[in-house]
């Protein structure tokens, strides 16, 4: 009789150990090694060996391109992120923080495609059918083609999807499902890996698109083996702060389209709603005419956005002054403060500095450097940046202002909202071409300060 073997797999990094250890030798995390039992291999006589000849190579010019009709969901922001809709046979992984709205989004997706796709099967292992019904009632969803199956046995779910000839399968979530092809509890590394592989084979063989919800770890990474992200066709991430109404859907991987698109939604009592003009909402309560406020023109994927940067400086009562940041990288702020002290001569070593990006927006690109720096100077000197001026530019360690991409799209978006004056890097002068805007091109921080505060 074959001996049953076991191994220990780290839930954080996926490393394998022959014995249990309190601390993972790879990632250094404690109490993350969990036992997985390896089933004994089948006898040699019982295993069938299939040999076949490999496929011959073909010239690229002789290969016929495959045009597939996408399933349009009708949710414009979601379709844009997916590249125009859902491709038949695609395996889509949706992840995000707990309570951010993943289940709400997929339930709205299921309702939206019921007419075009026919029957939609929603398999839930986390909630009961009654809980799904309550959410659907709150969202105003009453689709007769939507089937709810509260089951954690993945094989039964796939059998139901095949029997019902569903046009779309939704699995919520992969961490709650288990399959008989692998030993271990639901959520273990082996079960997640085998379950994802089975879903991929099912999607490709039947042509049925599958949407899978995946949990994240405490660090924000998708829980489970990294292999899961390699197997799926599309990886979507829904992010945002629960305290704010904004939700941003990003495409981290997309085999059928671009990963530069981002969909913006607002969370309401009736579910996620598309936000067609986010800049107007972000600037609706702007502190125009107040010191410490500046407007940044940034890009979220290929979408231009305008947000308000608020800065506050006050004399510190501590030996080491405080720096507090909401909405941007803390290390980036420290770099900007050092450049302002060294290149402009501002004394910030005795000042507490607080930065807030209003509305819950997160500025993750270097083009926000210039508006952040000018908002700090505005608060320190108690002078106001012109309320009709929009700013953009990356600041180098030498105090120079470097060019930013898509500058014309940023300016056009700001002009739609009534901004009439723009401070841009000198390197973007050729990118603007012919225009009728009031644009000031600056080469370094000194020129930017004189332009923003109209100093001689």
Protein backbone atom coordinates (compact mmCIF):
# COMPACT_ATOMS: atom_id res chain seq x y z
CA UNK A 1 0.00 0.00 0.00
CA UNK A 2 1.39 3.39 -0.99
CA UNK A 3 2.37 5.69 1.83
CA UNK A 4 0.42 8.93 2.12
CA UNK A 5 2.76 11.89 2.08
CA UNK A 6 2.18 15.36 3.43
CA UNK A 7 3.84 18.72 2.95
CA UNK A 8 3.54 22.19 4.43
CA UNK A 9 2.75 25.18 2.21
CA UNK A 10 3.07 28.86 3.21
CA UNK A 11 -0.16 30.79 2.63
CA UNK A 12 1.75 34.03 2.14
CA UNK A 13 4.51 33.19 -0.37
CA UNK A 14 3.58 29.66 -1.48
CA UNK A 15 6.90 28.07 -0.47
CA UNK A 16 6.88 24.36 0.39
CA UNK A 17 8.52 22.69 3.39
CA UNK A 18 8.87 19.01 4.24
CA UNK A 19 8.11 19.69 7.90
CA UNK A 20 6.17 22.23 9.90
CA UNK A 21 8.04 25.35 10.99
CA UNK A 22 6.83 28.19 13.12
CA UNK A 23 8.41 30.77 10.81
CA UNK A 24 8.44 30.47 7.02
CA UNK A 25 12.10 30.36 5.87
CA UNK A 26 11.25 32.26 2.67
CA UNK A 27 9.06 35.23 3.64
CA UNK A 28 9.70 35.26 7.40
CA UNK A 29 5.99 35.23 8.36
CA UNK A 30 4.90 33.31 11.47
CA UNK A 31 2.22 30.60 11.62
CA UNK A 32 1.64 30.56 7.86
CA UNK A 33 2.62 26.94 7.08
CA UNK A 34 -0.39 24.67 6.64
CA UNK A 35 -0.39 20.96 5.96
CA UNK A 36 -1.48 19.54 2.62
CA UNK A 37 -1.88 15.79 2.12
CA UNK A 38 -0.63 14.44 -1.19
CA UNK A 39 -2.74 11.65 -2.58
CA UNK A 40 -0.74 8.50 -3.50
CA UNK A 41 -0.13 8.14 -7.23
CA UNK A 42 -2.19 5.63 -9.17
CA UNK A 43 -0.52 2.29 -10.07
CA UNK A 44 1.48 2.34 -13.27
CA UNK A 45 -0.84 -0.19 -14.88
CA UNK A 46 -3.87 2.01 -14.19
CA UNK A 47 -2.34 5.09 -15.72
CA UNK A 48 -2.95 5.58 -19.43
CA UNK A 49 -0.14 7.02 -21.47
CA UNK A 50 -1.27 8.99 -24.50
CA UNK A 51 1.33 9.85 -27.09
CA UNK A 52 0.59 12.07 -30.02
CA UNK A 53 2.58 13.99 -32.53
CA UNK A 54 3.21 17.67 -31.84
CA UNK A 55 1.68 20.39 -34.00
CA UNK A 56 3.73 21.78 -36.85
CA UNK A 57 4.70 25.46 -36.70
CA UNK A 58 2.97 27.96 -38.97
CA UNK A 59 4.15 31.27 -40.38
CA UNK A 60 2.63 34.29 -38.68
CA UNK A 61 1.32 35.67 -41.99
CA UNK A 62 -0.52 32.39 -42.69
CA UNK A 63 -2.35 32.30 -39.35
CA UNK A 64 -5.95 33.50 -39.59
CA UNK A 65 -6.94 36.09 -37.03
CA UNK A 66 -9.82 35.10 -34.79
CA UNK A 67 -12.57 37.68 -34.43
CA UNK A 68 -14.77 36.96 -31.43
CA UNK A 69 -18.01 38.73 -30.61
CA UNK A 70 -17.75 40.16 -27.10
CA UNK A 71 -20.57 40.05 -24.59
CA UNK A 72 -21.36 43.71 -23.91
CA UNK A 73 -22.46 44.15 -20.29
CA UNK A 74 -24.09 47.55 -20.73
CA UNK A 75 -22.04 48.91 -17.81
CA UNK A 76 -19.88 51.37 -19.73
CA UNK A 77 -17.05 51.66 -17.22
CA UNK A 78 -16.76 47.89 -16.87
CA UNK A 79 -16.83 47.35 -20.64
CA UNK A 80 -14.06 49.93 -21.08
CA UNK A 81 -11.83 48.18 -18.53
CA UNK A 82 -12.47 44.79 -20.15
CA UNK A 83 -11.59 46.17 -23.59
CA UNK A 84 -15.12 46.31 -25.01
CA UNK A 85 -16.92 43.51 -23.20
CA UNK A 86 -16.49 39.92 -22.03
CA UNK A 87 -14.78 37.54 -24.44
CA UNK A 88 -16.40 34.06 -24.72
CA UNK A 89 -14.42 31.48 -22.78
CA UNK A 90 -12.58 34.11 -20.73
CA UNK A 91 -11.67 33.46 -17.09
CA UNK A 92 -11.88 36.75 -15.16
CA UNK A 93 -10.56 37.19 -11.62
CA UNK A 94 -12.04 40.06 -9.59
CA UNK A 95 -10.33 41.00 -6.33
CA UNK A 96 -10.40 43.79 -3.77
CA UNK A 97 -10.57 44.62 -0.09
CA UNK A 98 -13.40 43.17 2.04
CA UNK A 99 -16.60 45.21 1.82
CA UNK A 100 -15.41 47.27 -1.16
CA UNK A 101 -18.30 46.12 -3.39
CA UNK A 102 -17.11 43.04 -5.31
CA UNK A 103 -20.29 41.01 -4.76
CA UNK A 104 -22.41 44.06 -5.57
CA UNK A 105 -20.57 44.60 -8.85
CA UNK A 106 -20.87 40.98 -10.02
CA UNK A 107 -24.56 40.86 -9.08
CA UNK A 108 -25.16 43.98 -11.16
CA UNK A 109 -23.11 42.39 -13.94
CA UNK A 110 -25.25 39.24 -13.77
CA UNK A 111 -28.44 41.28 -14.04
CA UNK A 112 -27.08 43.37 -16.92
CA UNK A 113 -26.11 40.42 -19.14
CA UNK A 114 -29.11 38.19 -18.43
CA UNK A 115 -30.89 39.35 -21.55
CA UNK A 116 -27.95 39.03 -23.95
CA UNK A 117 -26.29 35.95 -22.44
CA UNK A 118 -29.44 34.09 -21.49
CA UNK A 119 -29.16 32.17 -18.22
CA UNK A 120 -26.57 33.38 -15.70
CA UNK A 121 -25.49 31.09 -12.85
CA UNK A 122 -24.34 32.79 -9.64
CA UNK A 123 -22.60 30.24 -7.39
CA UNK A 124 -22.03 31.51 -3.88
CA UNK A 125 -20.09 29.75 -1.15
CA UNK A 126 -19.97 32.67 1.26
CA UNK A 127 -23.62 33.69 1.47
CA UNK A 128 -26.92 31.91 1.44
CA UNK A 129 -29.42 32.25 -1.37
CA UNK A 130 -31.57 34.35 0.95
CA UNK A 131 -28.77 36.85 1.51
CA UNK A 132 -28.26 37.18 -2.24
CA UNK A 133 -32.00 37.77 -2.58
CA UNK A 134 -31.86 40.58 -0.01
CA UNK A 135 -28.99 42.26 -1.87
CA UNK A 136 -30.80 41.89 -5.19
CA UNK A 137 -33.92 43.48 -3.71
CA UNK A 138 -31.86 46.41 -2.41
CA UNK A 139 -30.29 46.86 -5.83
CA UNK A 140 -33.65 46.59 -7.61
CA UNK A 141 -32.66 43.40 -9.46
CA UNK A 142 -35.36 40.95 -10.49
CA UNK A 143 -34.01 38.94 -13.43
CA UNK A 144 -35.84 35.63 -14.07
CA UNK A 145 -32.83 34.22 -15.99
CA UNK A 146 -30.54 34.64 -12.96
CA UNK A 147 -29.99 31.36 -11.08
CA UNK A 148 -28.53 31.29 -7.57
CA UNK A 149 -26.72 28.18 -6.33
CA UNK A 150 -25.48 28.24 -2.74
CA UNK A 151 -22.89 25.46 -2.90
CA UNK A 152 -19.20 25.09 -2.08
CA UNK A 153 -18.66 21.95 -4.21
CA UNK A 154 -17.09 23.21 -7.43
CA UNK A 155 -17.77 20.03 -9.41
CA UNK A 156 -21.52 20.37 -8.72
CA UNK A 157 -21.43 24.03 -9.76
CA UNK A 158 -19.77 23.22 -13.08
CA UNK A 159 -22.25 20.42 -13.74
CA UNK A 160 -25.16 22.79 -13.12
CA UNK A 161 -23.67 25.43 -15.43
CA UNK A 162 -23.28 22.84 -18.17
CA UNK A 163 -26.78 21.39 -17.75
CA UNK A 164 -28.42 24.84 -17.71
CA UNK A 165 -26.32 25.98 -20.70
CA UNK A 166 -25.52 29.19 -18.85
CA UNK A 167 -24.15 32.16 -20.78
CA UNK A 168 -22.10 33.33 -17.80
CA UNK A 169 -20.85 31.66 -14.61
CA UNK A 170 -20.01 33.67 -11.48
CA UNK A 171 -18.14 32.04 -8.58
CA UNK A 172 -18.12 33.87 -5.24
CA UNK A 173 -15.50 33.11 -4.09
CA UNK A 174 -12.69 30.75 -5.13
CA UNK A 175 -11.45 30.54 -1.52
CA UNK A 176 -14.73 28.88 -0.41
CA UNK A 177 -14.86 26.27 -3.17
CA UNK A 178 -13.40 22.77 -3.04
CA UNK A 179 -12.99 19.97 -5.56
CA UNK A 180 -12.69 16.21 -5.08
CA UNK A 181 -9.61 16.14 -7.32
CA UNK A 182 -7.47 17.55 -4.52
CA UNK A 183 -7.20 16.90 -0.79
CA UNK A 184 -7.21 19.74 1.71
CA UNK A 185 -9.66 22.20 3.17
CA UNK A 186 -11.34 24.92 1.06
CA UNK A 187 -9.04 27.91 0.77
CA UNK A 188 -5.83 25.87 0.93
CA UNK A 189 -3.13 26.38 -1.67
CA UNK A 190 -3.86 23.07 -3.37
CA UNK A 191 -7.63 23.60 -3.53
CA UNK A 192 -7.30 27.12 -4.94
CA UNK A 193 -4.76 26.00 -7.52
CA UNK A 194 -6.77 22.96 -8.62
CA UNK A 195 -10.06 24.87 -8.57
CA UNK A 196 -8.70 27.67 -10.76
CA UNK A 197 -7.23 25.15 -13.18
CA UNK A 198 -10.58 23.33 -13.40
CA UNK A 199 -12.42 26.60 -14.05
CA UNK A 200 -9.93 27.51 -16.78
CA UNK A 201 -10.36 24.16 -18.53
CA UNK A 202 -14.15 24.44 -18.22
CA UNK A 203 -14.20 27.98 -19.71
CA UNK A 204 -11.96 27.05 -22.63
CA UNK A 205 -13.74 23.80 -23.46
CA UNK A 206 -17.30 25.18 -23.29
CA UNK A 207 -16.72 28.79 -24.38
CA UNK A 208 -18.60 29.96 -21.29
CA UNK A 209 -17.08 33.06 -19.67
CA UNK A 210 -16.39 32.70 -15.94
CA UNK A 211 -16.03 35.48 -13.37
CA UNK A 212 -14.30 34.47 -10.13
CA UNK A 213 -14.06 36.58 -6.98
CA UNK A 214 -10.80 36.25 -5.04
CA UNK A 215 -9.89 37.52 -1.59
CA UNK A 216 -6.81 39.57 -0.75
CA UNK A 217 -4.23 39.21 2.01
CA UNK A 218 -3.53 41.83 4.67
CA UNK A 219 -0.89 43.32 2.35
CA UNK A 220 -3.43 43.79 -0.44
CA UNK A 221 -2.14 40.96 -2.67
CA UNK A 222 -4.52 38.38 -4.10
CA UNK A 223 -4.71 35.45 -1.69
CA UNK A 224 -3.66 32.05 -2.98
CA UNK A 225 -0.81 30.85 -5.16
CA UNK A 226 0.62 33.27 -7.69
CA UNK A 227 -0.15 30.63 -10.28
CA UNK A 228 -3.81 31.64 -10.09
CA UNK A 229 -3.05 35.06 -11.61
CA UNK A 230 -1.06 33.41 -14.40
CA UNK A 231 -3.87 30.99 -15.28
CA UNK A 232 -6.68 33.53 -15.61
CA UNK A 233 -7.15 35.76 -18.67
CA UNK A 234 -8.11 38.97 -16.87
CA UNK A 235 -7.25 40.26 -13.40
CA UNK A 236 -9.46 43.11 -12.14
CA UNK A 237 -8.93 44.97 -8.88
CA UNK A 238 -11.62 47.07 -7.22
CA UNK A 239 -10.13 49.66 -4.90
CA UNK A 240 -11.28 52.63 -2.84
CA UNK A 241 -11.83 53.80 0.71
CA UNK A 242 -14.97 52.72 2.54
CA UNK A 243 -15.33 56.21 4.01
CA UNK A 244 -15.59 57.69 0.51
CA UNK A 245 -18.07 56.92 -2.25
CA UNK A 246 -15.50 56.47 -5.03
CA UNK A 247 -14.58 53.00 -6.33
CA UNK A 248 -11.95 52.51 -9.03
CA UNK A 249 -11.85 49.32 -11.10
CA UNK A 250 -8.41 48.64 -12.57
CA UNK A 251 -7.21 45.99 -14.98
CA UNK A 252 -3.97 44.48 -13.69
CA UNK A 253 -3.84 41.92 -16.53
CA UNK A 254 -5.89 41.63 -19.71
CA UNK A 255 -5.16 39.21 -22.54
CA UNK A 256 -7.91 40.76 -24.65
CA UNK A 257 -7.30 44.48 -24.20
CA UNK A 258 -5.32 47.28 -22.61
CA UNK A 259 -4.39 47.50 -18.94
CA UNK A 260 -4.34 51.32 -19.00
CA UNK A 261 -8.08 51.77 -18.61
CA UNK A 262 -9.74 52.41 -15.26
CA UNK A 263 -13.44 52.49 -14.44
CA UNK A 264 -14.74 54.91 -11.81
CA UNK A 265 -17.91 54.26 -9.85
CA UNK A 266 -19.72 55.75 -6.89
CA UNK A 267 -21.22 53.55 -4.19
CA UNK A 268 -24.85 54.38 -3.43
CA UNK A 269 -27.74 52.67 -1.66
CA UNK A 270 -28.80 51.13 -4.96
CA UNK A 271 -25.36 49.79 -5.85
CA UNK A 272 -22.39 50.95 -7.91
CA UNK A 273 -23.14 53.72 -10.39
CA UNK A 274 -20.93 54.87 -13.24
CA UNK A 275 -19.27 58.23 -12.71
CA UNK A 276 -19.08 59.94 -16.09
CA UNK A 277 -17.55 63.23 -14.89
CA UNK A 278 -15.46 62.47 -11.80
CA UNK A 279 -13.42 65.68 -11.99
CA UNK A 280 -16.50 67.86 -11.49
CA UNK A 281 -17.49 65.87 -8.39
CA UNK A 282 -13.95 65.95 -6.98
CA UNK A 283 -13.79 69.73 -7.30
CA UNK A 284 -17.41 70.44 -6.29
CA UNK A 285 -16.42 71.62 -2.79
CA UNK A 286 -12.99 73.01 -3.65
CA UNK A 287 -11.42 75.53 -1.29
CA UNK A 288 -10.97 78.12 -4.05
CA UNK A 289 -9.33 81.34 -2.89
CA UNK A 290 -7.80 79.74 0.22
CA UNK A 291 -4.10 79.40 0.95
CA UNK A 292 -2.79 75.84 0.81
CA UNK A 293 -5.01 74.69 -2.05
CA UNK A 294 -3.94 73.78 -5.59
CA UNK A 295 -5.53 71.85 -8.46
CA UNK A 296 -3.62 68.90 -9.91
CA UNK A 297 -4.28 67.52 -13.41
CA UNK A 298 -3.35 63.81 -13.26
CA UNK A 299 -3.98 60.67 -15.29
CA UNK A 300 -5.72 57.55 -14.03
CA UNK A 301 -4.83 55.07 -16.74
CA UNK A 302 -5.83 56.89 -19.94
CA UNK A 303 -8.42 59.08 -18.20
CA UNK A 304 -7.52 62.65 -17.18
CA UNK A 305 -8.65 63.65 -13.68
CA UNK A 306 -8.55 66.87 -11.72
CA UNK A 307 -8.20 66.81 -7.95
CA UNK A 308 -7.64 69.30 -5.16
CA UNK A 309 -4.39 69.13 -3.20
CA UNK A 310 -4.69 70.61 0.29
CA UNK A 311 -1.61 71.45 2.35
CA UNK A 312 -1.25 72.79 5.86
CA UNK A 313 1.96 73.90 7.55
CA UNK A 314 2.19 74.93 11.19
CA UNK A 315 5.04 75.52 13.60
CA UNK A 316 5.96 72.24 15.25
CA UNK A 317 6.06 71.78 19.02
CA UNK A 318 8.07 68.56 18.69
CA UNK A 319 11.78 68.05 18.25
CA UNK A 320 11.08 66.15 15.05
CA UNK A 321 8.31 67.79 12.97
CA UNK A 322 5.39 65.68 11.83
CA UNK A 323 4.60 64.78 8.22
CA UNK A 324 1.13 63.34 7.59
CA UNK A 325 -0.11 62.28 4.18
CA UNK A 326 -3.55 61.17 2.93
CA UNK A 327 -3.86 60.21 -0.72
CA UNK A 328 -0.23 60.15 -1.88
CA UNK A 329 3.04 58.37 -1.17
CA UNK A 330 4.68 59.43 2.10
CA UNK A 331 8.21 59.01 0.74
CA UNK A 332 7.37 61.22 -2.22
CA UNK A 333 6.38 64.01 0.18
CA UNK A 334 9.67 63.70 2.07
CA UNK A 335 11.53 64.02 -1.23
CA UNK A 336 9.58 67.14 -2.21
CA UNK A 337 10.19 68.78 1.16
CA UNK A 338 13.91 68.15 0.81
CA UNK A 339 13.94 69.72 -2.66
CA UNK A 340 11.99 72.78 -1.42
CA UNK A 341 14.51 73.31 1.39
CA UNK A 342 17.62 72.77 -0.72
CA UNK A 343 16.64 74.41 -4.04
CA UNK A 344 14.18 77.11 -2.96
CA UNK A 345 15.54 77.91 0.50
CA UNK A 346 12.36 77.28 2.47
CA UNK A 347 12.81 76.47 6.16
CA UNK A 348 10.52 73.50 6.71
CA UNK A 349 12.55 71.82 9.44
CA UNK A 350 10.47 73.57 12.12
CA UNK A 351 7.11 73.05 10.40
CA UNK A 352 4.60 70.24 10.68
CA UNK A 353 3.37 69.44 7.16
CA UNK A 354 -0.02 67.85 6.43
CA UNK A 355 -1.13 66.83 2.93
CA UNK A 356 -4.66 65.74 2.00
CA UNK A 357 -6.00 64.84 -1.44
CA UNK A 358 -9.65 65.82 -1.20
CA UNK A 359 -12.42 63.38 -2.07
CA UNK A 360 -10.46 60.18 -1.47
CA UNK A 361 -8.48 60.46 -4.71
CA UNK A 362 -5.02 58.85 -4.72
CA UNK A 363 -2.22 60.59 -6.60
CA UNK A 364 0.20 57.90 -7.69
CA UNK A 365 1.98 59.60 -10.58
CA UNK A 366 4.89 62.10 -10.54
CA UNK A 367 2.85 64.75 -12.37
CA UNK A 368 1.31 65.61 -8.98
CA UNK A 369 4.69 66.81 -7.65
CA UNK A 370 4.29 70.42 -8.76
CA UNK A 371 0.77 71.02 -7.34
CA UNK A 372 1.80 69.41 -4.03
CA UNK A 373 4.91 71.58 -3.77
CA UNK A 374 3.04 74.78 -4.64
CA UNK A 375 0.26 73.95 -2.14
CA UNK A 376 2.93 73.62 0.58
CA UNK A 377 4.49 76.96 -0.36
CA UNK A 378 1.04 78.54 -0.49
CA UNK A 379 0.26 77.44 3.07
CA UNK A 380 3.70 78.39 4.40
CA UNK A 381 3.64 81.90 2.92
CA UNK A 382 -0.13 82.31 3.33
CA UNK A 383 -0.56 83.28 -0.31
CA UNK A 384 -3.23 81.99 -2.66
CA UNK A 385 -2.73 80.08 -5.90
CA UNK A 386 -5.00 81.53 -8.60
CA UNK A 387 -8.26 79.56 -8.48
CA UNK A 388 -8.41 79.32 -12.29
CA UNK A 389 -4.93 77.74 -12.58
CA UNK A 390 -4.33 74.01 -13.06
CA UNK A 391 -0.89 72.53 -12.38
CA UNK A 392 1.10 69.51 -13.50
CA UNK A 393 4.77 68.57 -13.54
CA UNK A 394 7.33 66.17 -12.11
CA UNK A 395 9.99 67.66 -9.83
CA UNK A 396 13.55 66.34 -10.04
CA UNK A 397 16.08 66.36 -7.23
CA UNK A 398 17.81 69.35 -8.82
CA UNK A 399 14.60 71.38 -8.66
CA UNK A 400 13.88 71.08 -12.39
CA UNK A 401 10.35 70.54 -13.70
CA UNK A 402 10.18 67.52 -16.00
CA UNK A 403 7.68 66.82 -18.76
CA UNK A 404 4.59 64.69 -18.23
CA UNK A 405 2.70 62.47 -20.71
CA UNK A 406 -0.73 63.23 -22.20
CA UNK A 407 -0.43 66.92 -21.36
CA UNK A 408 -2.92 68.06 -23.99
CA UNK A 409 -5.63 65.72 -22.69
CA UNK A 410 -5.09 67.04 -19.17
CA UNK A 411 -5.39 70.64 -20.32
CA UNK A 412 -8.54 69.92 -22.33
CA UNK A 413 -10.17 68.23 -19.33
CA UNK A 414 -9.32 71.20 -17.10
CA UNK A 415 -10.60 73.67 -19.70
CA UNK A 416 -13.98 71.89 -19.72
CA UNK A 417 -14.31 72.66 -16.01
CA UNK A 418 -13.57 76.36 -16.46
CA UNK A 419 -9.82 76.57 -15.82
CA UNK A 420 -8.22 79.28 -17.97
CA UNK A 421 -4.56 79.24 -16.91
CA UNK A 422 -2.09 76.37 -16.90
CA UNK A 423 1.44 75.95 -15.54
CA UNK A 424 3.25 73.24 -17.50
CA UNK A 425 6.81 71.91 -17.81
CA UNK A 426 8.83 73.57 -20.56
CA UNK A 427 9.52 70.14 -22.03
CA UNK A 428 5.82 69.84 -22.97
CA UNK A 429 5.80 72.95 -25.15
CA UNK A 430 6.02 71.00 -28.40
CA UNK A 431 3.34 68.54 -27.20
CA UNK A 432 0.76 71.31 -26.89
CA UNK A 433 1.01 72.41 -30.52
CA UNK A 434 -1.35 75.19 -31.56
CA UNK A 435 -3.78 76.29 -28.88
CA UNK A 436 -5.60 79.27 -27.45
CA UNK A 437 -5.01 78.53 -23.76
CA UNK A 438 -3.13 80.77 -21.34
CA UNK A 439 -0.12 78.54 -20.69
CA UNK A 440 3.02 79.32 -18.70
CA UNK A 441 5.96 77.00 -19.31
CA UNK A 442 8.41 76.62 -16.43
CA UNK A 443 11.84 75.00 -16.27
CA UNK A 444 12.48 74.86 -12.51
CA UNK A 445 10.82 75.45 -9.16
CA UNK A 446 11.85 79.09 -9.03
CA UNK A 447 10.03 79.84 -12.28
CA UNK A 448 7.02 77.84 -11.10
CA UNK A 449 6.78 79.85 -7.88
CA UNK A 450 6.97 83.15 -9.75
CA UNK A 451 4.29 82.00 -12.20
CA UNK A 452 1.94 80.60 -9.54
CA UNK A 453 2.12 83.59 -7.20
CA UNK A 454 2.82 86.16 -9.95
CA UNK A 455 6.05 87.29 -8.37
CA UNK A 456 8.41 89.61 -10.21
